[in-house]
Protein backbone atom coordinates (compact mmCIF):
# COMPACT_ATOMS: atom_id res chain seq x y z
CA UNK A 1 32.68 -32.80 -50.72
CA UNK A 2 31.24 -31.86 -47.37
CA UNK A 3 30.96 -28.06 -47.08
CA UNK A 4 32.85 -26.40 -44.23
CA UNK A 5 30.40 -25.09 -41.63
CA UNK A 6 30.42 -21.32 -41.21
CA UNK A 7 32.42 -19.91 -38.33
CA UNK A 8 30.02 -18.96 -35.56
CA UNK A 9 30.62 -15.67 -33.83
CA UNK A 10 29.52 -14.79 -30.31
CA UNK A 11 25.81 -14.03 -30.11
CA UNK A 12 25.65 -12.82 -26.54
CA UNK A 13 28.19 -10.11 -26.00
CA UNK A 14 26.90 -7.42 -23.64
CA UNK A 15 27.29 -4.00 -25.17
CA UNK A 16 25.98 -0.52 -24.36
CA UNK A 17 24.61 -1.50 -20.96
CA UNK A 18 25.17 0.42 -17.75
CA UNK A 19 26.71 -1.46 -14.85
CA UNK A 20 25.02 -1.47 -11.45
CA UNK A 21 25.21 1.76 -9.50
CA UNK A 22 27.28 0.92 -6.44
CA UNK A 23 30.40 1.95 -4.53
CA UNK A 24 29.68 5.65 -4.81
CA UNK A 25 29.23 8.27 -2.09
CA UNK A 26 25.55 9.18 -1.79
CA UNK A 27 26.44 12.41 0.01
CA UNK A 28 29.38 13.52 -2.13
CA UNK A 29 27.26 12.95 -5.24
CA UNK A 30 24.41 15.10 -3.92
CA UNK A 31 25.48 18.75 -4.00
CA UNK A 32 21.99 20.14 -3.21
CA UNK A 33 21.85 17.99 -0.06
CA UNK A 34 25.29 19.17 1.06
CA UNK A 35 24.30 22.80 0.57
CA UNK A 36 20.95 22.39 2.36
CA UNK A 37 22.71 20.79 5.34
CA UNK A 38 25.00 23.82 5.65
CA UNK A 39 22.24 26.36 5.04
CA UNK A 40 19.96 24.82 7.66
CA UNK A 41 22.51 24.77 10.46
CA UNK A 42 24.14 21.32 10.40
CA UNK A 43 27.45 22.17 8.74
CA UNK A 44 29.22 20.52 11.67
CA UNK A 45 27.92 17.14 10.41
CA UNK A 46 29.61 17.21 6.97
CA UNK A 47 32.34 14.67 7.77
CA UNK A 48 29.86 12.39 9.54
CA UNK A 49 27.49 12.55 6.57
CA UNK A 50 30.33 11.88 4.11
CA UNK A 51 31.10 8.69 6.01
CA UNK A 52 27.43 7.70 6.02
CA UNK A 53 27.18 8.46 2.30
CA UNK A 54 30.08 6.12 1.55
CA UNK A 55 28.39 3.35 3.51
CA UNK A 56 24.97 3.80 1.93
CA UNK A 57 26.43 3.86 -1.58
CA UNK A 58 28.55 0.74 -1.06
CA UNK A 59 27.77 -2.54 -2.80
CA UNK A 60 27.38 -4.14 0.64
CA UNK A 61 24.55 -1.86 1.77
CA UNK A 62 22.82 -1.78 -1.58
CA UNK A 63 22.75 -5.58 -1.40
CA UNK A 64 21.32 -5.47 2.12
CA UNK A 65 18.50 -3.31 0.78
CA UNK A 66 17.80 -5.77 -2.02
CA UNK A 67 17.92 -8.87 0.17
CA UNK A 68 15.64 -7.33 2.81
CA UNK A 69 12.97 -6.88 0.14
CA UNK A 70 13.44 -10.13 -1.77
CA UNK A 71 13.24 -12.19 1.42
CA UNK A 72 9.97 -10.99 2.89
CA UNK A 73 9.07 -11.45 6.59
CA UNK A 74 7.55 -14.71 7.81
CA UNK A 75 4.74 -14.89 10.38
CA UNK A 76 5.16 -17.43 13.20
CA UNK A 77 1.86 -17.55 15.08
CA UNK A 78 2.79 -20.54 17.29
CA UNK A 79 5.88 -22.23 18.61
CA UNK A 80 6.45 -25.91 17.91
CA UNK A 81 4.57 -26.89 21.07
CA UNK A 82 1.42 -25.02 20.09
CA UNK A 83 1.88 -21.98 22.31
CA UNK A 84 0.76 -18.67 20.84
CA UNK A 85 3.84 -16.71 19.74
CA UNK A 86 2.79 -13.97 17.27
CA UNK A 87 6.38 -13.44 16.22
CA UNK A 88 7.75 -12.20 12.89
CA UNK A 89 10.96 -13.56 11.44
CA UNK A 90 13.03 -11.27 9.20
CA UNK A 91 15.96 -11.81 6.88
CA UNK A 92 19.35 -10.90 8.40
CA UNK A 93 19.65 -7.95 5.99
CA UNK A 94 16.52 -6.38 7.53
CA UNK A 95 18.25 -6.50 10.91
CA UNK A 96 21.41 -5.05 9.39
CA UNK A 97 19.37 -2.12 8.05
CA UNK A 98 17.68 -1.45 11.38
CA UNK A 99 21.06 -1.81 13.09
CA UNK A 100 22.53 0.88 10.83
CA UNK A 101 19.62 3.25 11.46
CA UNK A 102 19.73 2.73 15.23
CA UNK A 103 23.52 2.93 15.40
CA UNK A 104 23.55 6.29 13.63
CA UNK A 105 20.72 7.81 15.63
CA UNK A 106 18.14 7.96 12.83
CA UNK A 107 15.48 7.05 15.38
CA UNK A 108 16.27 9.04 18.51
CA UNK A 109 19.63 10.71 17.89
CA UNK A 110 18.41 14.33 18.16
CA UNK A 111 17.20 13.63 21.72
CA UNK A 112 20.14 11.44 22.74
CA UNK A 113 22.63 14.12 21.63
CA UNK A 114 20.71 17.39 21.31
CA UNK A 115 22.53 20.20 19.53
CA UNK A 116 21.66 22.86 16.94
CA UNK A 117 21.08 21.18 13.60
CA UNK A 118 20.64 17.67 15.04
CA UNK A 119 17.28 17.12 13.30
CA UNK A 120 18.74 18.45 10.03
CA UNK A 121 21.74 16.10 10.17
CA UNK A 122 19.42 13.19 10.94
CA UNK A 123 17.18 14.19 8.02
CA UNK A 124 20.14 14.13 5.63
CA UNK A 125 21.14 10.63 6.75
CA UNK A 126 17.51 9.55 6.42
CA UNK A 127 17.34 10.92 2.84
CA UNK A 128 20.41 8.89 1.88
CA UNK A 129 19.20 5.65 3.45
CA UNK A 130 15.83 6.02 1.71
CA UNK A 131 17.70 5.63 -1.59
CA UNK A 132 18.48 1.98 -0.80
CA UNK A 133 15.85 0.64 1.66
CA UNK A 134 12.59 2.10 2.92
CA UNK A 135 10.73 -0.55 4.88
CA UNK A 136 13.12 -0.31 7.83
CA UNK A 137 12.46 3.43 7.98
CA UNK A 138 8.90 2.73 9.22
CA UNK A 139 9.82 1.55 12.76
CA UNK A 140 12.63 4.10 12.79
CA UNK A 141 10.16 6.91 12.15
CA UNK A 142 7.57 5.67 14.63
CA UNK A 143 10.24 5.50 17.34
CA UNK A 144 11.37 9.02 16.41
CA UNK A 145 7.82 10.32 16.84
CA UNK A 146 7.18 8.40 20.06
CA UNK A 147 10.01 10.02 22.06
CA UNK A 148 8.48 13.51 22.49
CA UNK A 149 5.21 11.87 23.57
CA UNK A 150 6.62 9.34 26.02
CA UNK A 151 9.13 11.63 27.70
CA UNK A 152 6.17 13.44 29.30
CA UNK A 153 4.98 10.22 31.00
CA UNK A 154 7.36 9.73 33.97
CA UNK A 155 6.26 6.17 34.78
CA UNK A 156 7.03 5.03 31.24
CA UNK A 157 9.98 7.31 30.51
CA UNK A 158 11.87 6.15 33.58
CA UNK A 159 12.11 2.57 32.29
CA UNK A 160 11.91 2.98 28.54
CA UNK A 161 13.70 6.22 27.64
CA UNK A 162 17.29 4.97 28.21
CA UNK A 163 16.66 2.08 25.81
CA UNK A 164 14.88 4.30 23.30
CA UNK A 165 17.88 6.63 23.26
CA UNK A 166 20.32 3.73 23.04
CA UNK A 167 22.37 3.34 19.85
CA UNK A 168 22.21 -0.45 20.14
CA UNK A 169 19.76 -2.41 18.02
CA UNK A 170 18.54 -5.53 19.81
CA UNK A 171 16.66 -7.92 17.53
CA UNK A 172 15.74 -10.41 20.26
CA UNK A 173 12.08 -11.16 20.92
CA UNK A 174 11.97 -10.76 24.69
CA UNK A 175 10.82 -8.32 27.39
CA UNK A 176 12.22 -4.81 27.01
CA UNK A 177 13.73 -4.99 30.49
CA UNK A 178 16.20 -7.56 29.16
CA UNK A 179 17.10 -5.72 25.96
CA UNK A 180 19.78 -3.15 25.12
CA UNK A 181 17.67 -1.05 22.76
CA UNK A 182 13.98 -0.84 21.81
CA UNK A 183 11.67 0.38 19.03
CA UNK A 184 8.13 1.76 19.22
CA UNK A 185 5.26 1.22 16.78
CA UNK A 186 1.68 2.45 16.66
CA UNK A 187 -1.81 1.10 16.08
CA UNK A 188 -4.37 3.73 15.12
CA UNK A 189 -6.18 2.68 11.94
CA UNK A 190 -9.38 0.66 12.07
CA UNK A 191 -11.29 -0.55 9.03
CA UNK A 192 -14.45 1.42 9.79
CA UNK A 193 -12.60 4.71 10.32
CA UNK A 194 -9.34 5.04 8.40
CA UNK A 195 -8.19 8.62 8.91
CA UNK A 196 -11.26 9.27 11.08
CA UNK A 197 -9.67 8.04 14.29
CA UNK A 198 -12.66 9.25 16.31
CA UNK A 199 -14.64 6.38 14.76
CA UNK A 200 -12.40 3.80 16.45
CA UNK A 201 -14.21 1.08 18.40
CA UNK A 202 -11.28 -0.48 20.29
CA UNK A 203 -12.12 -0.23 24.01
CA UNK A 204 -10.04 0.46 27.10
CA UNK A 205 -11.10 -0.50 30.65
CA UNK A 206 -9.25 0.67 33.73
CA UNK A 207 -8.09 -2.26 35.85
CA UNK A 208 -8.55 -0.31 39.08
CA UNK A 209 -6.50 2.19 41.03
CA UNK A 210 -5.23 5.44 39.52
CA UNK A 211 -6.33 5.72 35.90
CA UNK A 212 -3.27 7.81 35.08
CA UNK A 213 -0.65 5.42 36.44
CA UNK A 214 -2.51 2.11 36.67
CA UNK A 215 -2.95 -0.45 33.91
CA UNK A 216 -5.80 -0.70 31.42
CA UNK A 217 -7.24 -3.61 29.46
CA UNK A 218 -7.30 -2.93 25.68
CA UNK A 219 -9.72 -4.92 23.52
CA UNK A 220 -10.28 -4.42 19.80
CA UNK A 221 -9.09 -4.78 16.23
CA UNK A 222 -6.60 -2.71 14.23
CA UNK A 223 -6.74 -2.79 10.44
CA UNK A 224 -3.08 -1.76 10.11
CA UNK A 225 -0.32 -2.43 12.64
CA UNK A 226 3.04 -1.84 10.98
CA UNK A 227 6.32 -3.34 12.17
CA UNK A 228 4.87 -5.78 14.75
CA UNK A 229 8.39 -6.69 15.88
CA UNK A 230 8.47 -3.40 17.80
CA UNK A 231 8.77 -3.61 21.57
CA UNK A 232 5.70 -1.48 22.32
CA UNK A 233 2.95 0.41 20.54
CA UNK A 234 1.02 3.63 20.97
CA UNK A 235 -2.60 2.60 20.51
CA UNK A 236 -5.86 4.54 20.42
CA UNK A 237 -8.92 3.19 22.24
CA UNK A 238 -12.23 4.46 23.58
CA UNK A 239 -12.17 4.98 27.36
CA UNK A 240 -15.02 6.31 29.56
CA UNK A 241 -13.92 9.90 28.81
CA UNK A 242 -13.51 9.42 25.07
CA UNK A 243 -10.77 8.43 22.67
CA UNK A 244 -7.49 8.07 24.52
CA UNK A 245 -3.93 6.98 23.78
CA UNK A 246 -2.31 3.98 25.46
CA UNK A 247 1.16 2.48 25.67
CA UNK A 248 0.95 -1.27 24.99
CA UNK A 249 4.19 -3.30 25.33
CA UNK A 250 4.68 -6.66 23.61
CA UNK A 251 5.52 -8.21 26.97
CA UNK A 252 3.91 -7.46 30.32
CA UNK A 253 5.99 -6.32 33.32
CA UNK A 254 5.65 -9.89 34.64
CA UNK A 255 7.50 -11.21 31.61
CA UNK A 256 4.66 -12.89 29.72
CA UNK A 257 3.55 -12.15 26.19
CA UNK A 258 0.92 -9.43 26.11
CA UNK A 259 -2.35 -10.41 24.44
CA UNK A 260 -1.61 -8.86 21.06
CA UNK A 261 -2.57 -11.33 18.33
CA UNK A 262 -1.52 -10.95 14.72
CA UNK A 263 -4.31 -12.01 12.37
CA UNK A 264 -2.52 -11.82 9.03
CA UNK A 265 0.04 -9.99 6.95
CA UNK A 266 -1.11 -7.32 4.54
CA UNK A 267 -0.19 -8.19 0.95
CA UNK A 268 1.07 -4.72 0.04
CA UNK A 269 2.01 -3.20 -3.29
CA UNK A 270 5.45 -2.30 -1.95
CA UNK A 271 7.21 -1.89 1.40
CA UNK A 272 7.88 -5.62 1.20
CA UNK A 273 10.70 -5.73 3.73
CA UNK A 274 8.43 -4.36 6.46
CA UNK A 275 5.68 -6.51 7.94
CA UNK A 276 2.34 -4.74 7.75
CA UNK A 277 -0.20 -6.66 9.80
CA UNK A 278 -3.79 -6.79 10.91
CA UNK A 279 -3.96 -7.39 14.65
CA UNK A 280 -6.32 -7.85 17.57
CA UNK A 281 -5.89 -6.83 21.19
CA UNK A 282 -7.38 -9.55 23.41
CA UNK A 283 -7.43 -7.68 26.69
CA UNK A 284 -3.88 -6.41 26.20
CA UNK A 285 -2.32 -4.62 29.15
CA UNK A 286 -1.62 -0.94 28.52
CA UNK A 287 -0.99 2.38 30.26
CA UNK A 288 -2.55 5.76 29.61
CA UNK A 289 -0.43 8.29 27.67
CA UNK A 290 -1.50 11.90 27.99
CA UNK A 291 -4.87 13.02 29.31
CA UNK A 292 -7.77 10.59 29.16
CA UNK A 293 -10.16 11.56 26.39
CA UNK A 294 -7.43 13.57 24.63
CA UNK A 295 -6.03 10.79 22.50
CA UNK A 296 -6.10 12.70 19.23
CA UNK A 297 -3.85 15.60 20.40
CA UNK A 298 -1.52 12.99 21.89
CA UNK A 299 -1.12 10.99 18.68
CA UNK A 300 -0.90 14.20 16.64
CA UNK A 301 2.16 15.15 18.67
CA UNK A 302 3.70 11.93 17.41
CA UNK A 303 2.21 12.44 13.95
CA UNK A 304 3.93 15.76 13.31
CA UNK A 305 7.28 13.94 13.45
CA UNK A 306 6.17 10.98 11.35
CA UNK A 307 4.75 13.36 8.74
CA UNK A 308 8.08 15.15 8.58
CA UNK A 309 9.66 11.79 7.82
CA UNK A 310 7.15 11.12 5.06
CA UNK A 311 8.44 14.24 3.28
CA UNK A 312 12.08 13.37 4.01
CA UNK A 313 11.61 9.75 2.94
CA UNK A 314 9.91 10.71 -0.32
CA UNK A 315 12.77 13.12 -0.98
CA UNK A 316 15.14 10.18 -0.55
CA UNK A 317 13.13 7.97 -2.90
CA UNK A 318 13.13 10.74 -5.51
CA UNK A 319 16.85 11.15 -5.09
CA UNK A 320 17.37 7.39 -5.42
CA UNK A 321 15.38 7.34 -8.67
CA UNK A 322 17.28 10.38 -9.98
CA UNK A 323 20.63 8.79 -9.08
CA UNK A 324 19.72 5.65 -11.01
CA UNK A 325 18.54 7.68 -14.02
CA UNK A 326 21.65 9.89 -14.06
CA UNK A 327 23.94 6.86 -13.75
CA UNK A 328 22.17 5.04 -16.58
CA UNK A 329 22.11 8.07 -18.87
CA UNK A 330 25.83 8.68 -18.24
CA UNK A 331 26.75 5.22 -19.60
CA UNK A 332 24.09 4.37 -22.19
CA UNK A 333 24.39 5.74 -25.74
CA UNK A 334 21.84 6.17 -28.52
CA UNK A 335 22.18 7.64 -32.00
CA UNK A 336 25.86 8.32 -31.52
CA UNK A 337 25.71 10.17 -28.20
CA UNK A 338 25.37 9.35 -24.54
CA UNK A 339 21.81 9.73 -23.31
CA UNK A 340 22.87 12.47 -20.90
CA UNK A 341 24.09 14.55 -23.88
CA UNK A 342 20.89 14.23 -25.92
CA UNK A 343 19.08 17.61 -25.75
CA UNK A 344 15.62 16.26 -24.92
CA UNK A 345 16.97 13.78 -22.37
CA UNK A 346 18.97 16.62 -20.79
CA UNK A 347 15.71 18.52 -20.33
CA UNK A 348 14.02 15.52 -18.70
CA UNK A 349 16.93 14.79 -16.36
CA UNK A 350 17.41 18.46 -15.46
CA UNK A 351 13.71 18.81 -14.69
CA UNK A 352 13.84 15.81 -12.36
CA UNK A 353 17.01 17.17 -10.76
CA UNK A 354 15.28 20.51 -10.18
CA UNK A 355 12.27 18.81 -8.58
CA UNK A 356 14.51 16.77 -6.30
CA UNK A 357 16.56 19.80 -5.28
CA UNK A 358 13.39 21.74 -4.43
CA UNK A 359 12.12 18.81 -2.35
CA UNK A 360 15.48 18.61 -0.55
CA UNK A 361 15.46 22.33 0.24
CA UNK A 362 11.91 22.23 1.63
CA UNK A 363 12.36 19.03 3.66
CA UNK A 364 15.56 20.17 5.34
CA UNK A 365 14.14 23.63 6.05
CA UNK A 366 11.25 21.91 7.78
CA UNK A 367 13.68 19.73 9.74
CA UNK A 368 15.40 22.91 10.99
CA UNK A 369 12.08 24.04 12.45
CA UNK A 370 12.15 20.89 14.60
CA UNK A 371 15.55 21.91 15.94
CA UNK A 372 14.17 25.22 17.23
CA UNK A 373 11.75 23.70 19.75
CA UNK A 374 11.59 26.80 21.97
CA UNK A 375 11.19 29.36 19.17
CA UNK A 376 7.54 30.42 18.81
CA UNK A 377 7.83 31.48 15.16
CA UNK A 378 9.58 28.24 14.21
CA UNK A 379 6.88 26.31 16.07
CA UNK A 380 4.15 28.01 14.03
CA UNK A 381 6.09 27.40 10.83
CA UNK A 382 6.56 23.76 11.83
CA UNK A 383 2.83 23.34 12.43
CA UNK A 384 1.92 24.85 9.06
CA UNK A 385 4.67 23.48 6.83
CA UNK A 386 4.56 19.87 8.05
CA UNK A 387 1.28 18.99 6.28
CA UNK A 388 2.27 21.21 3.34
CA UNK A 389 5.60 19.44 2.76
CA UNK A 390 4.08 16.04 3.42
CA UNK A 391 1.36 16.69 0.84
CA UNK A 392 3.47 18.18 -1.92
CA UNK A 393 6.73 16.21 -1.78
CA UNK A 394 4.92 12.89 -1.38
CA UNK A 395 2.57 13.76 -4.26
CA UNK A 396 5.46 14.58 -6.60
CA UNK A 397 7.39 11.42 -5.76
CA UNK A 398 5.51 8.77 -7.83
CA UNK A 399 5.47 10.97 -10.93
CA UNK A 400 9.21 11.53 -10.77
CA UNK A 401 10.01 7.86 -10.09
CA UNK A 402 7.87 6.81 -13.06
CA UNK A 403 9.82 9.21 -15.29
CA UNK A 404 13.13 7.91 -13.95
CA UNK A 405 11.99 4.37 -14.69
CA UNK A 406 11.22 5.39 -18.28
CA UNK A 407 14.77 6.70 -18.70
CA UNK A 408 15.94 3.08 -18.37
CA UNK A 409 13.55 1.80 -21.02
CA UNK A 410 12.55 -1.84 -20.61
CA UNK A 411 15.40 -2.44 -18.14
CA UNK A 412 13.68 -0.09 -15.72
CA UNK A 413 10.62 -2.31 -15.62
CA UNK A 414 12.51 -5.48 -14.74
CA UNK A 415 12.62 -6.50 -11.09
CA UNK A 416 16.29 -7.46 -11.25
CA UNK A 417 17.04 -3.76 -10.98
CA UNK A 418 16.10 -1.20 -8.29
CA UNK A 419 13.54 0.86 -10.21
CA UNK A 420 10.42 -1.33 -9.72
CA UNK A 421 11.02 -1.38 -5.95
CA UNK A 422 11.37 2.41 -5.84
CA UNK A 423 8.23 2.76 -7.95
CA UNK A 424 6.18 0.46 -5.71
CA UNK A 425 7.42 2.34 -2.67
CA UNK A 426 6.78 5.79 -4.12
CA UNK A 427 3.03 6.20 -3.34
CA UNK A 428 3.20 4.97 0.25
CA UNK A 429 4.24 8.14 2.06
CA UNK A 430 1.38 10.03 0.43
CA UNK A 431 -1.05 7.55 2.04
CA UNK A 432 0.63 6.78 5.36
CA UNK A 433 0.08 9.24 8.21
CA UNK A 434 -2.80 10.97 6.44
CA UNK A 435 -3.63 11.08 2.75
CA UNK A 436 -3.44 14.18 0.55
CA UNK A 437 -6.88 15.52 1.44
CA UNK A 438 -6.18 15.07 5.15
CA UNK A 439 -2.94 17.05 4.80
CA UNK A 440 -4.65 19.88 2.93
CA UNK A 441 -7.45 20.12 5.48
CA UNK A 442 -4.83 20.07 8.24
CA UNK A 443 -3.08 22.97 6.52
CA UNK A 444 -6.32 24.97 6.67
CA UNK A 445 -6.76 23.93 10.31
CA UNK A 446 -3.27 25.15 11.17
CA UNK A 447 -3.97 28.55 9.65
CA UNK A 448 -7.40 28.76 11.31
CA UNK A 449 -6.22 27.85 14.78
CA UNK A 450 -2.95 29.75 14.55
CA UNK A 451 -3.61 32.83 12.40
CA UNK A 452 -0.12 34.18 13.10
CA UNK A 453 1.32 31.20 11.22
CA UNK A 454 0.38 32.96 7.98
CA UNK A 455 2.39 35.99 9.11
CA UNK A 456 5.35 33.76 9.95
CA UNK A 457 5.08 32.13 6.53
CA UNK A 458 5.04 35.56 4.86
CA UNK A 459 8.13 36.58 6.84
CA UNK A 460 9.90 33.43 5.70
CA UNK A 461 9.10 34.15 2.06
CA UNK A 462 9.71 37.93 2.19
CA UNK A 463 13.55 37.89 1.80
CA UNK A 464 13.12 36.31 -1.64
CA UNK A 465 10.73 38.96 -2.94
CA UNK A 466 12.15 41.24 -5.59
CA UNK A 467 14.52 38.57 -6.91
CA UNK A 468 12.26 37.22 -9.67
CA UNK A 469 9.16 38.69 -11.30
CA UNK A 470 7.36 35.34 -11.63
CA UNK A 471 7.97 34.58 -7.96
CA UNK A 472 6.62 37.97 -6.87
CA UNK A 473 3.47 37.49 -8.95
CA UNK A 474 2.96 33.95 -7.68
CA UNK A 475 3.26 35.03 -4.04
CA UNK A 476 0.84 37.93 -4.56
CA UNK A 477 -1.74 35.56 -6.05
CA UNK A 478 -1.20 33.09 -3.19
CA UNK A 479 -1.76 35.82 -0.58
CA UNK A 480 -5.03 36.77 -2.29
CA UNK A 481 -6.13 33.16 -2.22
CA UNK A 482 -5.30 32.75 1.46
CA UNK A 483 -7.17 35.94 2.31
CA UNK A 484 -10.33 34.81 0.50
CA UNK A 485 -12.37 32.41 2.69
CA UNK A 486 -14.96 31.63 -0.01
CA UNK A 487 -14.96 27.90 -0.91
CA UNK A 488 -11.64 27.59 0.88
CA UNK A 489 -12.10 23.90 1.69
CA UNK A 490 -12.70 22.95 -1.95
CA UNK A 491 -9.57 24.98 -2.83
CA UNK A 492 -7.44 23.39 -0.14
CA UNK A 493 -5.25 21.44 -2.54
CA UNK A 494 -4.59 24.48 -4.70
CA UNK A 495 -3.64 26.58 -1.66
CA UNK A 496 -1.46 23.87 -0.10
CA UNK A 497 0.35 23.37 -3.40
CA UNK A 498 0.79 27.13 -3.64
CA UNK A 499 2.37 27.34 -0.19
CA UNK A 500 4.76 24.50 -1.05
CA UNK A 501 5.84 26.07 -4.34
CA UNK A 502 6.24 29.50 -2.77
CA UNK A 503 8.44 28.06 -0.03
CA UNK A 504 10.52 26.07 -2.50
CA UNK A 505 10.92 29.13 -4.72
CA UNK A 506 11.93 31.30 -1.77
CA UNK A 507 14.50 28.78 -0.55
CA UNK A 508 16.07 28.38 -3.99
CA UNK A 509 16.11 32.13 -4.66
CA UNK A 510 17.83 32.74 -1.34
CA UNK A 511 20.26 29.84 -1.21
CA UNK A 512 20.69 28.06 -4.56
CA UNK A 513 22.78 29.26 -7.55
CA UNK A 514 20.93 31.73 -9.75
CA UNK A 515 20.39 29.34 -12.70
CA UNK A 516 18.65 26.84 -10.38
CA UNK A 517 16.29 29.46 -8.96
CA UNK A 518 15.68 30.88 -12.42
CA UNK A 519 14.75 27.47 -13.82
CA UNK A 520 12.39 26.81 -10.91
CA UNK A 521 10.58 30.14 -11.16
CA UNK A 522 10.39 30.03 -14.95
CA UNK A 523 8.96 26.50 -14.99
CA UNK A 524 6.93 26.20 -11.77
CA UNK A 525 5.72 29.71 -11.06
CA UNK A 526 5.08 31.24 -14.46
CA UNK A 527 1.38 31.11 -15.44
CA UNK A 528 0.54 28.64 -18.20
CA UNK A 529 4.14 27.57 -18.64
CA UNK A 530 4.63 24.54 -16.42
CA UNK A 531 4.22 21.40 -18.53
CA UNK A 532 2.29 18.37 -17.39
CA UNK A 533 5.34 16.11 -17.80
CA UNK A 534 8.99 16.31 -16.85
CA UNK A 535 11.17 17.66 -19.65
CA UNK A 536 9.30 20.93 -20.18
CA UNK A 537 11.93 23.35 -18.89
CA UNK A 538 12.36 26.55 -20.97
CA UNK A 539 15.02 26.41 -23.68
CA UNK A 540 17.08 29.09 -21.88
CA UNK A 541 17.60 26.78 -18.88
CA UNK A 542 21.20 26.01 -17.91
CA UNK A 543 20.70 22.25 -18.29
CA UNK A 544 24.34 21.32 -17.85
CA UNK A 545 24.63 23.20 -14.60
CA UNK A 546 21.56 21.46 -13.16
CA UNK A 547 22.88 18.06 -14.23
CA UNK A 548 26.36 18.69 -12.84
CA UNK A 549 24.86 19.57 -9.46
CA UNK A 550 22.73 16.44 -9.48
CA UNK A 551 25.50 14.08 -10.60
CA UNK A 552 28.98 15.62 -10.30
CA UNK A 553 31.94 13.89 -11.89
CA UNK A 554 33.80 11.86 -9.29
């Protein structure tokens, strides 16, 4: 008798797995961001930001972010007839992302429609978009920083400013005069100098006539030229009077391709959607921006805006990682309970939520300082806090993203999900626009050149004094450190970190619910208490409150 084969049951039923995070409102889900927007003067933008949050959290836009990174740019050096082209082809989703950013004024909106809180509202939209796609933020940021520089050059501003301020994204590779909207890039870094821009060897020769309004010939090599699809670049080069800044368009006024030759793509760790290139200027036509020989102050005027965006962008990456971790922990169970209800996991998630809220508070406070362009005190605070926020928020980002990846277990390490892309992106803002040491030295430079900035900082922190003993002690120690010039350069990281933590503590004590401020001061500002890993909050912390703020029930 032939035995009856056993009945086979299903072997591949998917159980206890979280579904993809999509079709949620990235603004409605982020209570700390909503509160910071109101606190920093952009309450009028709440409805606009709610609409943007719904878009960013939709399955459609999350997919655009994925496709833009999976389908990396392609370099087309020549056309089919052998003519030099130096063009970059991008996936349609890359163009959709840039179209969204341009359409909603994330590049030049605060100048196109200036109003109180405009930079804060833009920063909030930027934070949300950074959750889903970061490569397209690079040309957006460079264009943002170029506007305050170029508007002071009448010959350039007359032709270019209307298209810079346009809300239309024009992907076509053609002269700017024929386009509806434009983007600006920059070329500063050379392989022999890095952050030491004074070591640049690219040369500029005046072609005759007025050096201020006439054209120059730019010849040299740039080790990094990001987003080469931009319509023009701010470039540093050595002129007879020293290092100067020049405006170099992709096409000449006569309608021919300018002599900017892409040598190769950089094979980067992350930022895959954005084309990072190495390029040469073969006698490219350019125009002087700012005073000849004063190139560094000129590019620093642009850099203060791009450094702001490094802090804002890293805040967005942290928030994206936290969102993914909270979503996963809300659906995945272990040992009979959801992960989000396991005491140790609650500590880890709450600690990450606290870090992200502190980064949000600091980044949007800094953005408010950019709104107050005519206020002297805000200007001094802007000069000091920009390198501080850029250093600290960008430094904390990779550590937090790594922890959020670990929440997912092995799934977090698989490229089918969003975590590896966030992780690869997380170190970039700490490197771009000046590494950590450069930011800390710039913080010292700001205090040295503008001594009153320390007084302005103290005035900003003062309203929070007396609200928490640990905060008061931390600030007193920080003031002693700032007043002691001995070995100050070797202590620059410690002091810059101290300023960042003091500002975050002050903002949370003044504006956040008491349990949030208490948790921050007890964990970050109490001597010998702060753990080296996330998940070290004191047992008395109101974990549930922190988690509900980070991921409210919809």
